[in-house]
């Protein structure tokens, strides 16, 4: 999003912020260790 601010981060952005691999972040979400939301129209990684 160029020129716009969003409170949402992609898994890739959040993983970079936390200095972990995106797969680790997604695993944590599946395990319930962190909260995550599936948003329509977003890029899928992993």
N, C-alpha and C. Protein backbone atom coordinates (compact mmCIF):
# COMPACT_ATOMS: atom_id res chain seq x y z
N UNK A 1 0.83 -1.18 0.00
CA UNK A 1 0.00 0.00 0.00
C UNK A 1 0.87 1.24 0.00
N UNK A 2 1.00 1.84 -1.10
CA UNK A 2 1.82 3.04 -1.21
C UNK A 2 0.98 4.25 -0.79
N UNK A 3 1.49 5.00 0.16
CA UNK A 3 0.82 6.21 0.59
C UNK A 3 -0.34 5.99 1.54
N UNK A 4 -0.55 4.76 1.96
CA UNK A 4 -1.64 4.47 2.90
C UNK A 4 -1.06 3.77 4.11
N UNK A 5 -1.71 3.95 5.25
CA UNK A 5 -1.27 3.29 6.48
C UNK A 5 -2.30 2.24 6.84
N UNK A 6 -1.83 1.10 7.33
CA UNK A 6 -2.72 0.03 7.72
C UNK A 6 -2.24 -0.55 9.04
N UNK A 7 -3.17 -0.93 9.90
CA UNK A 7 -2.78 -1.55 11.15
C UNK A 7 -2.50 -3.04 10.97
N UNK A 8 -2.80 -3.57 9.79
CA UNK A 8 -2.60 -4.98 9.50
C UNK A 8 -1.22 -5.22 8.89
N UNK A 9 -0.61 -6.32 9.29
CA UNK A 9 0.66 -6.74 8.70
C UNK A 9 0.45 -8.08 8.02
N UNK A 10 1.16 -8.29 6.93
CA UNK A 10 1.15 -9.63 6.34
C UNK A 10 2.01 -10.52 7.22
N UNK A 11 1.89 -11.82 7.01
CA UNK A 11 2.73 -12.76 7.76
C UNK A 11 4.20 -12.46 7.52
N UNK A 12 4.53 -12.12 6.30
CA UNK A 12 5.93 -11.80 5.95
C UNK A 12 6.41 -10.56 6.69
N UNK A 13 5.58 -9.52 6.75
CA UNK A 13 5.95 -8.28 7.44
C UNK A 13 6.09 -8.51 8.95
N UNK A 14 5.13 -9.24 9.52
CA UNK A 14 5.18 -9.52 10.96
C UNK A 14 6.39 -10.38 11.31
N UNK A 15 6.69 -11.36 10.49
CA UNK A 15 7.85 -12.22 10.73
C UNK A 15 9.14 -11.42 10.66
N UNK A 16 9.24 -10.51 9.71
CA UNK A 16 10.41 -9.65 9.60
C UNK A 16 10.56 -8.79 10.85
N UNK A 17 9.45 -8.23 11.32
CA UNK A 17 9.46 -7.39 12.51
C UNK A 17 9.93 -8.19 13.73
N UNK A 18 9.48 -9.44 13.83
CA UNK A 18 9.83 -10.30 14.96
C UNK A 18 11.16 -11.04 14.77
N UNK A 19 11.75 -10.88 13.58
CA UNK A 19 13.02 -11.52 13.24
C UNK A 19 12.94 -13.04 13.32
N UNK A 20 11.86 -13.57 12.73
CA UNK A 20 11.68 -15.02 12.58
C UNK A 20 11.29 -15.29 11.14
N UNK A 21 11.33 -16.55 10.74
CA UNK A 21 10.90 -16.92 9.40
C UNK A 21 9.37 -16.87 9.32
N UNK A 22 8.82 -16.52 8.15
CA UNK A 22 7.37 -16.50 8.01
C UNK A 22 6.72 -17.84 8.37
N UNK A 23 7.37 -18.94 8.03
CA UNK A 23 6.81 -20.26 8.36
C UNK A 23 6.70 -20.44 9.87
N UNK A 24 7.67 -19.92 10.62
CA UNK A 24 7.62 -20.01 12.08
C UNK A 24 6.42 -19.23 12.61
N UNK A 25 6.22 -18.04 12.09
CA UNK A 25 5.10 -17.21 12.51
C UNK A 25 3.76 -17.90 12.21
N UNK A 26 3.63 -18.50 11.03
CA UNK A 26 2.40 -19.19 10.67
C UNK A 26 2.19 -20.43 11.54
N UNK A 27 3.25 -21.11 11.90
CA UNK A 27 3.16 -22.24 12.81
C UNK A 27 2.65 -21.79 14.17
N UNK A 28 3.20 -20.70 14.67
CA UNK A 28 2.75 -20.15 15.96
C UNK A 28 1.26 -19.81 15.91
N UNK A 29 0.80 -19.26 14.79
CA UNK A 29 -0.61 -18.92 14.65
C UNK A 29 -1.47 -20.18 14.67
N UNK A 30 -1.05 -21.22 13.96
CA UNK A 30 -1.79 -22.47 13.96
C UNK A 30 -1.84 -23.10 15.34
N UNK A 31 -0.77 -22.96 16.10
CA UNK A 31 -0.69 -23.52 17.46
C UNK A 31 -1.45 -22.67 18.48
N UNK A 32 -1.88 -21.47 18.08
CA UNK A 32 -2.59 -20.59 18.99
C UNK A 32 -1.68 -19.76 19.88
N UNK A 33 -0.38 -19.78 19.60
CA UNK A 33 0.58 -19.01 20.41
C UNK A 33 0.47 -17.52 20.13
N UNK A 34 0.04 -17.16 18.92
CA UNK A 34 -0.20 -15.76 18.55
C UNK A 34 -1.54 -15.69 17.84
N UNK A 35 -2.11 -14.52 17.79
CA UNK A 35 -3.40 -14.33 17.13
C UNK A 35 -3.16 -13.90 15.69
N UNK A 36 -3.90 -14.49 14.78
CA UNK A 36 -3.80 -14.11 13.38
C UNK A 36 -5.16 -14.16 12.74
N UNK A 37 -5.34 -13.42 11.67
CA UNK A 37 -6.61 -13.36 10.97
C UNK A 37 -6.38 -13.58 9.48
N UNK A 38 -7.27 -14.31 8.85
CA UNK A 38 -7.22 -14.49 7.41
C UNK A 38 -8.04 -13.37 6.79
N UNK A 39 -7.42 -12.61 5.91
CA UNK A 39 -8.09 -11.50 5.24
C UNK A 39 -8.25 -11.83 3.77
N UNK A 40 -9.39 -11.56 3.23
CA UNK A 40 -9.61 -11.86 1.81
C UNK A 40 -8.78 -10.90 0.95
N UNK A 41 -8.37 -11.39 -0.18
CA UNK A 41 -7.64 -10.55 -1.12
C UNK A 41 -6.19 -10.30 -0.74
N UNK A 42 -5.64 -11.14 0.12
CA UNK A 42 -4.25 -10.96 0.51
C UNK A 42 -3.38 -12.04 -0.11
N UNK A 43 -2.12 -11.77 -0.20
CA UNK A 43 -1.16 -12.70 -0.77
C UNK A 43 -0.90 -13.86 0.19
N UNK A 44 -0.88 -15.06 -0.35
CA UNK A 44 -0.60 -16.24 0.48
C UNK A 44 0.87 -16.59 0.34
N UNK A 45 1.50 -16.86 1.50
CA UNK A 45 2.90 -17.27 1.51
C UNK A 45 3.01 -18.58 2.26
N UNK A 46 4.17 -19.18 2.16
CA UNK A 46 4.40 -20.38 2.97
C UNK A 46 4.57 -21.53 2.16
